[in-house]
PDB file of N, CA and C in Angstrom:
ATOM      1  N   GLN A   1     136.097  65.573 161.157  1.00  0.00           N
ATOM      2  CA  GLN A   1     135.772  66.230 160.073  1.00  0.00           C
ATOM      3  C   GLN A   1     135.750  67.578 160.564  1.00  0.00           C
ATOM      4  N   VAL A   2     135.750  68.118 159.299  1.00  0.00           N
ATOM      5  CA  VAL A   2     135.493  69.853 159.731  1.00  0.00           C
ATOM      6  C   VAL A   2     133.818  70.050 158.715  1.00  0.00           C
ATOM      7  N   GLN A   3     132.750  70.254 158.919  1.00  0.00           N
ATOM      8  CA  GLN A   3     131.692  70.942 158.096  1.00  0.00           C
ATOM      9  C   GLN A   3     131.727  72.211 158.219  1.00  0.00           C
ATOM     10  N   LEU A   4     130.775  73.142 157.462  1.00  0.00           N
ATOM     11  CA  LEU A   4     130.247  73.806 156.972  1.00  0.00           C
ATOM     12  C   LEU A   4     128.832  73.706 156.771  1.00  0.00           C
ATOM     13  N   VAL A   5     127.976  74.639 157.662  1.00  0.00           N
ATOM     14  CA  VAL A   5     126.312  74.867 157.697  1.00  0.00           C
ATOM     15  C   VAL A   5     126.171  76.279 157.428  1.00  0.00           C
ATOM     16  N   GLU A   6     125.376  76.436 156.788  1.00  0.00           N
ATOM     17  CA  GLU A   6     124.657  77.393 155.899  1.00  0.00           C
ATOM     18  C   GLU A   6     123.073  77.922 156.368  1.00  0.00           C
ATOM     19  N   SER A   7     122.939  78.257 156.959  1.00  0.00           N
ATOM     20  CA  SER A   7     121.195  79.050 157.158  1.00  0.00           C
ATOM     21  C   SER A   7     121.142  80.135 156.846  1.00  0.00           C
ATOM     22  N   GLY A   8     120.217  80.554 156.462  1.00  0.00           N
ATOM     23  CA  GLY A   8     119.540  82.483 156.699  1.00  0.00           C
ATOM     24  C   GLY A   8     118.349  82.718 154.509  1.00  0.00           C
ATOM     25  N   GLY A   9     118.731  81.771 153.858  1.00  0.00           N
ATOM     26  CA  GLY A   9     118.471  81.875 153.316  1.00  0.00           C
ATOM     27  C   GLY A   9     117.102  81.814 152.993  1.00  0.00           C
ATOM     28  N   GLY A  10     116.262  82.210 151.531  1.00  0.00           N
ATOM     29  CA  GLY A  10     114.931  81.771 151.472  1.00  0.00           C
ATOM     30  C   GLY A  10     114.820  82.981 150.258  1.00  0.00           C
ATOM     31  N   LEU A  11     113.244  83.659 149.978  1.00  0.00           N
ATOM     32  CA  LEU A  11     112.586  83.805 149.318  1.00  0.00           C
ATOM     33  C   LEU A  11     112.353  85.056 150.000  1.00  0.00           C
ATOM     34  N   VAL A  12     112.369  86.016 149.354  1.00  0.00           N
ATOM     35  CA  VAL A  12     112.359  87.696 149.515  1.00  0.00           C
ATOM     36  C   VAL A  12     112.209  88.733 148.594  1.00  0.00           C
ATOM     37  N   GLN A  13     111.123  90.169 148.671  1.00  0.00           N
ATOM     38  CA  GLN A  13     110.866  90.460 147.668  1.00  0.00           C
ATOM     39  C   GLN A  13     111.920  91.448 147.726  1.00  0.00           C
ATOM     40  N   ALA A  14     112.036  92.114 146.117  1.00  0.00           N
ATOM     41  CA  ALA A  14     113.417  92.523 146.040  1.00  0.00           C
ATOM     42  C   ALA A  14     113.250  93.795 146.608  1.00  0.00           C
ATOM     43  N   GLY A  15     113.927  94.302 147.680  1.00  0.00           N
ATOM     44  CA  GLY A  15     114.414  95.792 147.826  1.00  0.00           C
ATOM     45  C   GLY A  15     114.220  95.563 149.604  1.00  0.00           C
ATOM     46  N   GLY A  16     114.219  94.332 149.972  1.00  0.00           N
ATOM     47  CA  GLY A  16     114.469  93.236 151.511  1.00  0.00           C
ATOM     48  C   GLY A  16     115.565  93.071 151.525  1.00  0.00           C
ATOM     49  N   SER A  17     115.882  92.225 152.692  1.00  0.00           N
ATOM     50  CA  SER A  17     116.952  91.910 153.567  1.00  0.00           C
ATOM     51  C   SER A  17     116.723  90.412 153.821  1.00  0.00           C
ATOM     52  N   LEU A  18     118.013  89.990 153.754  1.00  0.00           N
ATOM     53  CA  LEU A  18     118.626  89.230 154.448  1.00  0.00           C
ATOM     54  C   LEU A  18     120.024  88.732 155.071  1.00  0.00           C
ATOM     55  N   ARG A  19     120.067  88.194 156.201  1.00  0.00           N
ATOM     56  CA  ARG A  19     121.173  87.821 156.721  1.00  0.00           C
ATOM     57  C   ARG A  19     121.457  86.067 156.257  1.00  0.00           C
ATOM     58  N   LEU A  20     122.605  85.840 155.844  1.00  0.00           N
ATOM     59  CA  LEU A  20     123.109  84.649 156.024  1.00  0.00           C
ATOM     60  C   LEU A  20     124.228  84.297 156.973  1.00  0.00           C
ATOM     61  N   SER A  21     124.060  83.120 157.436  1.00  0.00           N
ATOM     62  CA  SER A  21     125.092  82.460 158.234  1.00  0.00           C
ATOM     63  C   SER A  21     125.706  81.606 158.226  1.00  0.00           C
ATOM     64  N   CYS A  22     127.035  81.375 158.463  1.00  0.00           N
ATOM     65  CA  CYS A  22     127.474  79.627 158.511  1.00  0.00           C
ATOM     66  C   CYS A  22     128.840  79.151 159.327  1.00  0.00           C
ATOM     67  N   ALA A  23     128.427  78.579 160.264  1.00  0.00           N
ATOM     68  CA  ALA A  23     129.430  77.857 160.745  1.00  0.00           C
ATOM     69  C   ALA A  23     129.951  76.473 160.822  1.00  0.00           C
ATOM     70  N   ALA A  24     131.297  76.992 160.587  1.00  0.00           N
ATOM     71  CA  ALA A  24     132.365  75.863 161.063  1.00  0.00           C
ATOM     72  C   ALA A  24     132.654  74.960 162.037  1.00  0.00           C
ATOM     73  N   SER A  25     132.113  73.576 162.239  1.00  0.00           N
ATOM     74  CA  SER A  25     132.746  73.205 162.903  1.00  0.00           C
ATOM     75  C   SER A  25     133.422  71.358 162.894  1.00  0.00           C
ATOM     76  N   GLY A  26     134.273  71.168 163.741  1.00  0.00           N
ATOM     77  CA  GLY A  26     135.129  70.095 163.814  1.00  0.00           C
ATOM     78  C   GLY A  26     136.480  70.740 164.481  1.00  0.00           C
ATOM     79  N   SER A  27     137.254  69.738 164.512  1.00  0.00           N
ATOM     80  CA  SER A  27     139.020  69.941 164.857  1.00  0.00           C
ATOM     81  C   SER A  27     139.815  70.985 163.867  1.00  0.00           C
ATOM     82  N   ILE A  28     138.881  72.444 164.580  1.00  0.00           N
ATOM     83  CA  ILE A  28     140.021  73.127 163.477  1.00  0.00           C
ATOM     84  C   ILE A  28     140.494  74.290 164.939  1.00  0.00           C
ATOM     85  N   PHE A  29     141.751  74.153 164.231  1.00  0.00           N
ATOM     86  CA  PHE A  29     142.753  75.755 164.950  1.00  0.00           C
ATOM     87  C   PHE A  29     141.940  76.510 164.067  1.00  0.00           C
ATOM     88  N   SER A  30     141.879  76.747 163.441  1.00  0.00           N
ATOM     89  CA  SER A  30     142.260  78.871 162.822  1.00  0.00           C
ATOM     90  C   SER A  30     141.736  78.484 161.239  1.00  0.00           C
ATOM     91  N   ILE A  31     141.227  79.421 160.639  1.00  0.00           N
ATOM     92  CA  ILE A  31     140.562  79.528 159.084  1.00  0.00           C
ATOM     93  C   ILE A  31     141.623  80.741 159.312  1.00  0.00           C
ATOM     94  N   ARG A  32     141.859  80.772 158.190  1.00  0.00           N
ATOM     95  CA  ARG A  32     142.360  82.294 157.439  1.00  0.00           C
ATOM     96  C   ARG A  32     141.012  83.465 157.466  1.00  0.00           C
ATOM     97  N   THR A  33     140.388  82.624 155.646  1.00  0.00           N
ATOM     98  CA  THR A  33     139.938  83.769 155.344  1.00  0.00           C
ATOM     99  C   THR A  33     138.261  82.685 155.185  1.00  0.00           C
ATOM    100  N   MET A  34     137.657  83.265 155.366  1.00  0.00           N
ATOM    101  CA  MET A  34     135.880  83.125 155.423  1.00  0.00           C
ATOM    102  C   MET A  34     135.320  83.423 154.250  1.00  0.00           C
ATOM    103  N   GLY A  35     134.118  83.560 153.458  1.00  0.00           N
ATOM    104  CA  GLY A  35     133.476  84.288 152.350  1.00  0.00           C
ATOM    105  C   GLY A  35     132.241  83.691 152.099  1.00  0.00           C
ATOM    106  N   TRP A  36     131.801  84.423 151.200  1.00  0.00           N
ATOM    107  CA  TRP A  36     130.529  83.417 149.894  1.00  0.00           C
ATOM    108  C   TRP A  36     130.453  83.726 148.649  1.00  0.00           C
ATOM    109  N   TYR A  37     130.154  83.131 148.740  1.00  0.00           N
ATOM    110  CA  TYR A  37     130.221  83.141 147.090  1.00  0.00           C
ATOM    111  C   TYR A  37     128.853  82.267 146.633  1.00  0.00           C
ATOM    112  N   ARG A  38     128.494  82.416 145.238  1.00  0.00           N
ATOM    113  CA  ARG A  38     127.029  82.260 144.955  1.00  0.00           C
ATOM    114  C   ARG A  38     127.007  81.499 143.280  1.00  0.00           C
ATOM    115  N   GLN A  39     125.923  80.602 143.103  1.00  0.00           N
ATOM    116  CA  GLN A  39     125.863  80.301 141.637  1.00  0.00           C
ATOM    117  C   GLN A  39     124.115  80.366 140.859  1.00  0.00           C
ATOM    118  N   ALA A  40     124.370  81.518 139.936  1.00  0.00           N
ATOM    119  CA  ALA A  40     123.171  81.529 139.965  1.00  0.00           C
ATOM    120  C   ALA A  40     122.640  80.581 138.733  1.00  0.00           C
ATOM    121  N   PRO A  41     121.264  79.852 137.734  1.00  0.00           N
ATOM    122  CA  PRO A  41     121.542  79.016 137.350  1.00  0.00           C
ATOM    123  C   PRO A  41     121.967  79.437 136.045  1.00  0.00           C
ATOM    124  N   GLY A  42     122.718  78.643 135.301  1.00  0.00           N
ATOM    125  CA  GLY A  42     123.247  78.394 134.486  1.00  0.00           C
ATOM    126  C   GLY A  42     124.949  79.445 133.958  1.00  0.00           C
ATOM    127  N   LYS A  43     124.727  79.797 135.239  1.00  0.00           N
ATOM    128  CA  LYS A  43     126.266  80.178 135.244  1.00  0.00           C
ATOM    129  C   LYS A  43     126.853  80.182 135.752  1.00  0.00           C
ATOM    130  N   GLU A  44     128.131  80.291 136.199  1.00  0.00           N
ATOM    131  CA  GLU A  44     129.476  79.773 137.215  1.00  0.00           C
ATOM    132  C   GLU A  44     129.606  80.828 138.114  1.00  0.00           C
ATOM    133  N   ARG A  45     130.105  80.128 139.269  1.00  0.00           N
ATOM    134  CA  ARG A  45     130.269  79.829 141.058  1.00  0.00           C
ATOM    135  C   ARG A  45     130.647  81.773 140.934  1.00  0.00           C
ATOM    136  N   GLU A  46     130.201  82.562 141.556  1.00  0.00           N
ATOM    137  CA  GLU A  46     131.319  84.011 141.900  1.00  0.00           C
ATOM    138  C   GLU A  46     131.062  84.355 142.476  1.00  0.00           C
ATOM    139  N   LEU A  47     132.480  84.794 143.057  1.00  0.00           N
ATOM    140  CA  LEU A  47     132.687  85.491 144.373  1.00  0.00           C
ATOM    141  C   LEU A  47     131.971  86.310 144.910  1.00  0.00           C
ATOM    142  N   VAL A  48     131.634  86.259 145.914  1.00  0.00           N
ATOM    143  CA  VAL A  48     130.925  87.921 146.476  1.00  0.00           C
ATOM    144  C   VAL A  48     130.729  88.173 147.740  1.00  0.00           C
ATOM    145  N   ALA A  49     132.192  88.153 148.610  1.00  0.00           N
ATOM    146  CA  ALA A  49     132.888  88.456 149.792  1.00  0.00           C
ATOM    147  C   ALA A  49     133.657  87.470 150.662  1.00  0.00           C
ATOM    148  N   THR A  50     134.657  87.860 151.264  1.00  0.00           N
ATOM    149  CA  THR A  50     135.625  87.385 151.890  1.00  0.00           C
ATOM    150  C   THR A  50     135.611  87.522 153.301  1.00  0.00           C
ATOM    151  N   ILE A  51     135.854  87.529 154.023  1.00  0.00           N
ATOM    152  CA  ILE A  51     137.028  88.394 155.472  1.00  0.00           C
ATOM    153  C   ILE A  51     138.111  87.746 155.882  1.00  0.00           C
ATOM    154  N   THR A  52     139.477  88.555 155.946  1.00  0.00           N
ATOM    155  CA  THR A  52     140.289  87.426 156.914  1.00  0.00           C
ATOM    156  C   THR A  52     139.787  87.417 157.651  1.00  0.00           C
ATOM    157  N   SER A  53     140.839  86.451 158.637  1.00  0.00           N
ATOM    158  CA  SER A  53     140.731  86.691 160.585  1.00  0.00           C
ATOM    159  C   SER A  53     140.850  87.723 161.089  1.00  0.00           C
ATOM    160  N   SER A  54     142.221  88.297 160.164  1.00  0.00           N
ATOM    161  CA  SER A  54     142.153  89.917 160.778  1.00  0.00           C
ATOM    162  C   SER A  54     140.764  91.188 160.844  1.00  0.00           C
ATOM    163  N   GLY A  55     139.841  90.305 159.547  1.00  0.00           N
ATOM    164  CA  GLY A  55     138.878  91.077 159.286  1.00  0.00           C
ATOM    165  C   GLY A  55     138.975  92.344 158.083  1.00  0.00           C
ATOM    166  N   MET A  56     139.717  91.957 156.965  1.00  0.00           N
ATOM    167  CA  MET A  56     140.257  92.129 156.124  1.00  0.00           C
ATOM    168  C   MET A  56     138.935  91.998 155.488  1.00  0.00           C
ATOM    169  N   THR A  57     138.391  92.587 154.169  1.00  0.00           N
ATOM    170  CA  THR A  57     137.037  92.814 153.624  1.00  0.00           C
ATOM    171  C   THR A  57     137.387  92.625 151.807  1.00  0.00           C
ATOM    172  N   ASN A  58     136.927  92.412 151.223  1.00  0.00           N
ATOM    173  CA  ASN A  58     136.664  92.040 149.993  1.00  0.00           C
ATOM    174  C   ASN A  58     135.630  91.878 149.434  1.00  0.00           C
ATOM    175  N   TYR A  59     134.945  92.191 148.864  1.00  0.00           N
ATOM    176  CA  TYR A  59     133.639  92.692 148.229  1.00  0.00           C
ATOM    177  C   TYR A  59     133.458  92.274 146.458  1.00  0.00           C
ATOM    178  N   ALA A  60     132.644  91.426 146.012  1.00  0.00           N
ATOM    179  CA  ALA A  60     132.628  91.983 144.490  1.00  0.00           C
ATOM    180  C   ALA A  60     131.475  93.212 144.140  1.00  0.00           C
ATOM    181  N   ASP A  61     132.004  93.566 142.721  1.00  0.00           N
ATOM    182  CA  ASP A  61     131.779  94.935 142.458  1.00  0.00           C
ATOM    183  C   ASP A  61     130.013  95.068 142.852  1.00  0.00           C
ATOM    184  N   SER A  62     129.129  93.915 142.690  1.00  0.00           N
ATOM    185  CA  SER A  62     127.821  93.376 142.493  1.00  0.00           C
ATOM    186  C   SER A  62     127.787  94.010 143.805  1.00  0.00           C
ATOM    187  N   ALA A  63     128.331  93.807 144.785  1.00  0.00           N
ATOM    188  CA  ALA A  63     127.782  93.125 146.665  1.00  0.00           C
ATOM    189  C   ALA A  63     127.846  94.634 147.351  1.00  0.00           C
ATOM    190  N   LYS A  64     129.418  95.768 146.701  1.00  0.00           N
ATOM    191  CA  LYS A  64     129.203  96.824 147.106  1.00  0.00           C
ATOM    192  C   LYS A  64     128.373  97.698 147.774  1.00  0.00           C
ATOM    193  N   GLY A  65     128.135  98.040 148.870  1.00  0.00           N
ATOM    194  CA  GLY A  65     127.537  99.068 149.158  1.00  0.00           C
ATOM    195  C   GLY A  65     126.332  98.608 149.638  1.00  0.00           C
ATOM    196  N   ARG A  66     125.689  96.802 149.231  1.00  0.00           N
ATOM    197  CA  ARG A  66     124.332  97.000 149.568  1.00  0.00           C
ATOM    198  C   ARG A  66     124.802  95.649 150.594  1.00  0.00           C
ATOM    199  N   PHE A  67     125.631  94.792 150.227  1.00  0.00           N
ATOM    200  CA  PHE A  67     126.765  93.494 151.240  1.00  0.00           C
ATOM    201  C   PHE A  67     127.306  94.145 151.972  1.00  0.00           C
ATOM    202  N   THR A  68     127.272  93.196 153.482  1.00  0.00           N
ATOM    203  CA  THR A  68     128.216  93.252 154.571  1.00  0.00           C
ATOM    204  C   THR A  68     128.425  92.087 155.282  1.00  0.00           C
ATOM    205  N   ILE A  69     130.210  92.170 155.161  1.00  0.00           N
ATOM    206  CA  ILE A  69     130.645  90.519 155.263  1.00  0.00           C
ATOM    207  C   ILE A  69     131.144  90.704 156.678  1.00  0.00           C
ATOM    208  N   SER A  70     130.847  89.904 157.664  1.00  0.00           N
ATOM    209  CA  SER A  70     131.333  90.006 159.008  1.00  0.00           C
ATOM    210  C   SER A  70     132.008  88.480 159.715  1.00  0.00           C
ATOM    211  N   ARG A  71     132.330  88.347 161.014  1.00  0.00           N
ATOM    212  CA  ARG A  71     132.425  87.251 161.684  1.00  0.00           C
ATOM    213  C   ARG A  71     133.252  87.189 162.635  1.00  0.00           C
ATOM    214  N   ASP A  72     132.520  86.696 162.794  1.00  0.00           N
ATOM    215  CA  ASP A  72     133.376  85.615 164.477  1.00  0.00           C
ATOM    216  C   ASP A  72     134.071  84.906 164.643  1.00  0.00           C
ATOM    217  N   ASN A  73     135.642  85.631 165.170  1.00  0.00           N
ATOM    218  CA  ASN A  73     136.559  83.875 164.790  1.00  0.00           C
ATOM    219  C   ASN A  73     136.605  83.130 166.389  1.00  0.00           C
ATOM    220  N   ALA A  74     135.727  83.320 167.559  1.00  0.00           N
ATOM    221  CA  ALA A  74     135.472  82.307 168.499  1.00  0.00           C
ATOM    222  C   ALA A  74     134.544  81.651 167.857  1.00  0.00           C
ATOM    223  N   LYS A  75     134.041  81.654 166.995  1.00  0.00           N
ATOM    224  CA  LYS A  75     132.938  80.274 166.600  1.00  0.00           C
ATOM    225  C   LYS A  75     132.919  80.530 165.040  1.00  0.00           C
ATOM    226  N   ASN A  76     134.113  80.554 165.013  1.00  0.00           N
ATOM    227  CA  ASN A  76     133.613  79.990 163.680  1.00  0.00           C
ATOM    228  C   ASN A  76     133.148  80.474 162.331  1.00  0.00           C
ATOM    229  N   THR A  77     132.654  81.829 163.126  1.00  0.00           N
ATOM    230  CA  THR A  77     131.157  81.939 161.691  1.00  0.00           C
ATOM    231  C   THR A  77     131.380  83.383 161.165  1.00  0.00           C
ATOM    232  N   VAL A  78     130.431  83.027 160.217  1.00  0.00           N
ATOM    233  CA  VAL A  78     130.532  84.551 158.923  1.00  0.00           C
ATOM    234  C   VAL A  78     129.446  84.523 158.969  1.00  0.00           C
ATOM    235  N   TYR A  79     128.499  85.847 158.554  1.00  0.00           N
ATOM    236  CA  TYR A  79     127.568  86.560 158.495  1.00  0.00           C
ATOM    237  C   TYR A  79     127.518  87.382 157.500  1.00  0.00           C
ATOM    238  N   LEU A  80     126.620  87.326 156.601  1.00  0.00           N
ATOM    239  CA  LEU A  80     126.468  87.987 154.928  1.00  0.00           C
ATOM    240  C   LEU A  80     124.920  88.610 155.498  1.00  0.00           C
ATOM    241  N   GLN A  81     125.358  90.183 155.681  1.00  0.00           N
ATOM    242  CA  GLN A  81     123.930  90.821 155.782  1.00  0.00           C
ATOM    243  C   GLN A  81     123.965  91.217 154.608  1.00  0.00           C
ATOM    244  N   MET A  82     122.455  90.735 153.704  1.00  0.00           N
ATOM    245  CA  MET A  82     122.287  91.540 152.797  1.00  0.00           C
ATOM    246  C   MET A  82     121.271  92.769 152.485  1.00  0.00           C
ATOM    247  N   ASN A  83     121.269  93.694 151.735  1.00  0.00           N
ATOM    248  CA  ASN A  83     120.165  94.559 151.917  1.00  0.00           C
ATOM    249  C   ASN A  83     119.985  94.680 150.834  1.00  0.00           C
ATOM    250  N   SER A  84     118.821  95.637 150.472  1.00  0.00           N
ATOM    251  CA  SER A  84     118.441  96.476 148.707  1.00  0.00           C
ATOM    252  C   SER A  84     118.523  95.107 148.066  1.00  0.00           C
ATOM    253  N   LEU A  85     117.932  93.689 147.493  1.00  0.00           N
ATOM    254  CA  LEU A  85     118.445  92.618 147.249  1.00  0.00           C
ATOM    255  C   LEU A  85     117.469  93.191 145.953  1.00  0.00           C
ATOM    256  N   LYS A  86     118.470  92.378 145.087  1.00  0.00           N
ATOM    257  CA  LYS A  86     117.596  92.608 143.797  1.00  0.00           C
ATOM    258  C   LYS A  86     117.265  91.117 142.795  1.00  0.00           C
ATOM    259  N   PRO A  87     116.311  91.372 141.971  1.00  0.00           N
ATOM    260  CA  PRO A  87     116.545  89.927 141.445  1.00  0.00           C
ATOM    261  C   PRO A  87     117.348  89.039 140.708  1.00  0.00           C
ATOM    262  N   GLU A  88     118.120  90.154 140.503  1.00  0.00           N
ATOM    263  CA  GLU A  88     119.751  89.101 139.732  1.00  0.00           C
ATOM    264  C   GLU A  88     120.703  88.773 141.105  1.00  0.00           C
ATOM    265  N   ASP A  89     120.209  89.116 142.398  1.00  0.00           N
ATOM    266  CA  ASP A  89     120.521  88.388 143.727  1.00  0.00           C
ATOM    267  C   ASP A  89     120.008  87.170 143.527  1.00  0.00           C
ATOM    268  N   THR A  90     119.544  86.454 143.156  1.00  0.00           N
ATOM    269  CA  THR A  90     118.757  85.504 142.789  1.00  0.00           C
ATOM    270  C   THR A  90     120.013  84.180 142.572  1.00  0.00           C
ATOM    271  N   ALA A  91     119.878  82.622 143.581  1.00  0.00           N
ATOM    272  CA  ALA A  91     121.128  82.171 143.752  1.00  0.00           C
ATOM    273  C   ALA A  91     121.448  81.112 144.137  1.00  0.00           C
ATOM    274  N   VAL A  92     122.255  80.379 144.362  1.00  0.00           N
ATOM    275  CA  VAL A  92     122.510  79.716 145.717  1.00  0.00           C
ATOM    276  C   VAL A  92     123.968  80.123 145.970  1.00  0.00           C
ATOM    277  N   TYR A  93     124.064  80.271 147.258  1.00  0.00           N
ATOM    278  CA  TYR A  93     124.757  81.050 148.244  1.00  0.00           C
ATOM    279  C   TYR A  93     125.791  80.078 148.690  1.00  0.00           C
ATOM    280  N   TYR A  94     127.282  80.200 148.558  1.00  0.00           N
ATOM    281  CA  TYR A  94     127.615  79.526 149.566  1.00  0.00           C
ATOM    282  C   TYR A  94     129.118  79.355 149.769  1.00  0.00           C
ATOM    283  N   CYS A  95     129.201  79.114 151.229  1.00  0.00           N
ATOM    284  CA  CYS A  95     130.171  79.253 151.660  1.00  0.00           C
ATOM    285  C   CYS A  95     131.590  78.975 151.602  1.00  0.00           C
ATOM    286  N   ASN A  96     132.501  79.488 151.620  1.00  0.00           N
ATOM    287  CA  ASN A  96     134.417  78.940 151.573  1.00  0.00           C
ATOM    288  C   ASN A  96     134.600  78.924 152.894  1.00  0.00           C
ATOM    289  N   ALA A  97     135.738  78.326 153.481  1.00  0.00           N
ATOM    290  CA  ALA A  97     136.586  78.642 153.831  1.00  0.00           C
ATOM    291  C   ALA A  97     137.843  78.280 153.323  1.00  0.00           C
ATOM    292  N   GLN A  98     138.819  78.898 153.395  1.00  0.00           N
ATOM    293  CA  GLN A  98     140.286  78.346 152.946  1.00  0.00           C
ATOM    294  C   GLN A  98     140.694  78.791 154.675  1.00  0.00           C
ATOM    295  N   GLY A  99     142.448  78.278 153.765  1.00  0.00           N
ATOM    296  CA  GLY A  99     143.311  77.991 154.812  1.00  0.00           C
ATOM    297  C   GLY A  99     142.762  77.690 156.557  1.00  0.00           C
ATOM    298  N   VAL A 100     141.774  76.755 156.474  1.00  0.00           N
ATOM    299  CA  VAL A 100     141.479  75.768 157.425  1.00  0.00           C
ATOM    300  C   VAL A 100     142.757  74.869 158.194  1.00  0.00           C
ATOM    301  N   VAL A 101     143.058  75.128 159.112  1.00  0.00           N
ATOM    302  CA  VAL A 101     144.629  74.725 160.110  1.00  0.00           C
ATOM    303  C   VAL A 101     143.535  73.442 160.541  1.00  0.00           C
ATOM    304  N   VAL A 102     143.417  72.406 160.099  1.00  0.00           N
ATOM    305  CA  VAL A 102     143.469  71.470 160.740  1.00  0.00           C
ATOM    306  C   VAL A 102     144.227  69.751 160.575  1.00  0.00           C
ATOM    307  N   ALA A 103     145.172  69.846 161.960  1.00  0.00           N
ATOM    308  CA  ALA A 103     145.906  68.955 162.557  1.00  0.00           C
ATOM    309  C   ALA A 103     147.489  69.257 161.348  1.00  0.00           C
ATOM    310  N   ALA A 104     147.376  70.639 161.617  1.00  0.00           N
ATOM    311  CA  ALA A 104     148.553  71.685 160.796  1.00  0.00           C
ATOM    312  C   ALA A 104     148.508  70.813 159.026  1.00  0.00           C
ATOM    313  N   LEU A 105     147.618  70.841 158.833  1.00  0.00           N
ATOM    314  CA  LEU A 105     147.176  70.989 157.505  1.00  0.00           C
ATOM    315  C   LEU A 105     146.369  72.235 157.028  1.00  0.00           C
ATOM    316  N   HIS A 106     146.345  72.381 156.542  1.00  0.00           N
ATOM    317  CA  HIS A 106     146.133  73.972 155.651  1.00  0.00           C
ATOM    318  C   HIS A 106     145.156  73.768 154.612  1.00  0.00           C
ATOM    319  N   LEU A 107     143.802  73.036 154.359  1.00  0.00           N
ATOM    320  CA  LEU A 107     142.429  72.849 153.703  1.00  0.00           C
ATOM    321  C   LEU A 107     141.699  73.944 153.500  1.00  0.00           C
ATOM    322  N   GLU A 108     140.770  73.757 152.372  1.00  0.00           N
ATOM    323  CA  GLU A 108     139.480  74.652 151.864  1.00  0.00           C
ATOM    324  C   GLU A 108     138.396  73.336 152.432  1.00  0.00           C
ATOM    325  N   PHE A 109     137.200  74.365 152.254  1.00  0.00           N
ATOM    326  CA  PHE A 109     135.827  73.496 152.610  1.00  0.00           C
ATOM    327  C   PHE A 109     134.850  74.720 151.976  1.00  0.00           C
ATOM    328  N   TRP A 110     134.092  73.941 151.262  1.00  0.00           N
ATOM    329  CA  TRP A 110     132.747  74.573 151.065  1.00  0.00           C
ATOM    330  C   TRP A 110     131.259  74.163 151.765  1.00  0.00           C
ATOM    331  N   GLY A 111     130.485  74.948 151.666  1.00  0.00           N
ATOM    332  CA  GLY A 111     128.747  74.649 152.380  1.00  0.00           C
ATOM    333  C   GLY A 111     128.317  73.674 151.521  1.00  0.00           C
ATOM    334  N   GLN A 112     126.926  73.686 151.855  1.00  0.00           N
ATOM    335  CA  GLN A 112     126.020  72.808 150.905  1.00  0.00           C
ATOM    336  C   GLN A 112     125.514  73.942 150.094  1.00  0.00           C
ATOM    337  N   GLY A 113     125.311  74.685 149.965  1.00  0.00           N
ATOM    338  CA  GLY A 113     124.466  75.728 149.814  1.00  0.00           C
ATOM    339  C   GLY A 113     123.148  76.432 150.141  1.00  0.00           C
ATOM    340  N   THR A 114     123.147  77.619 150.181  1.00  0.00           N
ATOM    341  CA  THR A 114     121.458  77.748 150.494  1.00  0.00           C
ATOM    342  C   THR A 114     120.702  79.206 149.983  1.00  0.00           C
ATOM    343  N   LEU A 115     119.701  78.197 148.852  1.00  0.00           N
ATOM    344  CA  LEU A 115     119.679  79.047 147.849  1.00  0.00           C
ATOM    345  C   LEU A 115     118.189  80.999 148.595  1.00  0.00           C
ATOM    346  N   VAL A 116     118.533  81.107 147.795  1.00  0.00           N
ATOM    347  CA  VAL A 116     118.187  82.902 148.225  1.00  0.00           C
ATOM    348  C   VAL A 116     117.427  83.130 146.586  1.00  0.00           C
ATOM    349  N   THR A 117     116.522  83.309 146.814  1.00  0.00           N
ATOM    350  CA  THR A 117     115.381  84.013 146.103  1.00  0.00           C
ATOM    351  C   THR A 117     114.681  85.386 146.189  1.00  0.00           C
ATOM    352  N   VAL A 118     114.872  86.071 144.686  1.00  0.00           N
ATOM    353  CA  VAL A 118     114.787  87.465 145.004  1.00  0.00           C
ATOM    354  C   VAL A 118     113.448  87.324 144.115  1.00  0.00           C
ATOM    355  N   SER A 119     112.029  88.086 144.555  1.00  0.00           N
ATOM    356  CA  SER A 119     110.959  88.037 143.747  1.00  0.00           C
ATOM    357  C   SER A 119     111.040  90.036 143.486  1.00  0.00           C
ATOM    358  N   SER A 120     110.450  89.806 142.339  1.00  0.00           N
ATOM    359  CA  SER A 120     110.233  91.274 141.273  1.00  0.00           C
ATOM    360  C   SER A 120     108.620  91.760 142.143  1.00  0.00           C
TER     361      SER A 120
END
């Protein structure tokens, strides 16, 4: 079975930085798109950033200029470098993998989430 394991969340002061990592493991042939979503208390889950296997990126407006998504295809790992963090970035951050090819099937998986708390 495929698992997405996130790490790197924690508590940081406003203006600080954090780097999230998410490693996909299992019988994976390839992954089309990996990304990060977040869900703040009382709000819906929202896109933060995605990256395709060819390196094409997409960012939410709130992340542009502050966050950088990157990926190591050989390791099936995606990273999110978050700089200039703001209290409104506080949320549970979820890793997502789409177009995961497993035994000729194309599947989608989610990580368990990692909490990012930004204090003012």
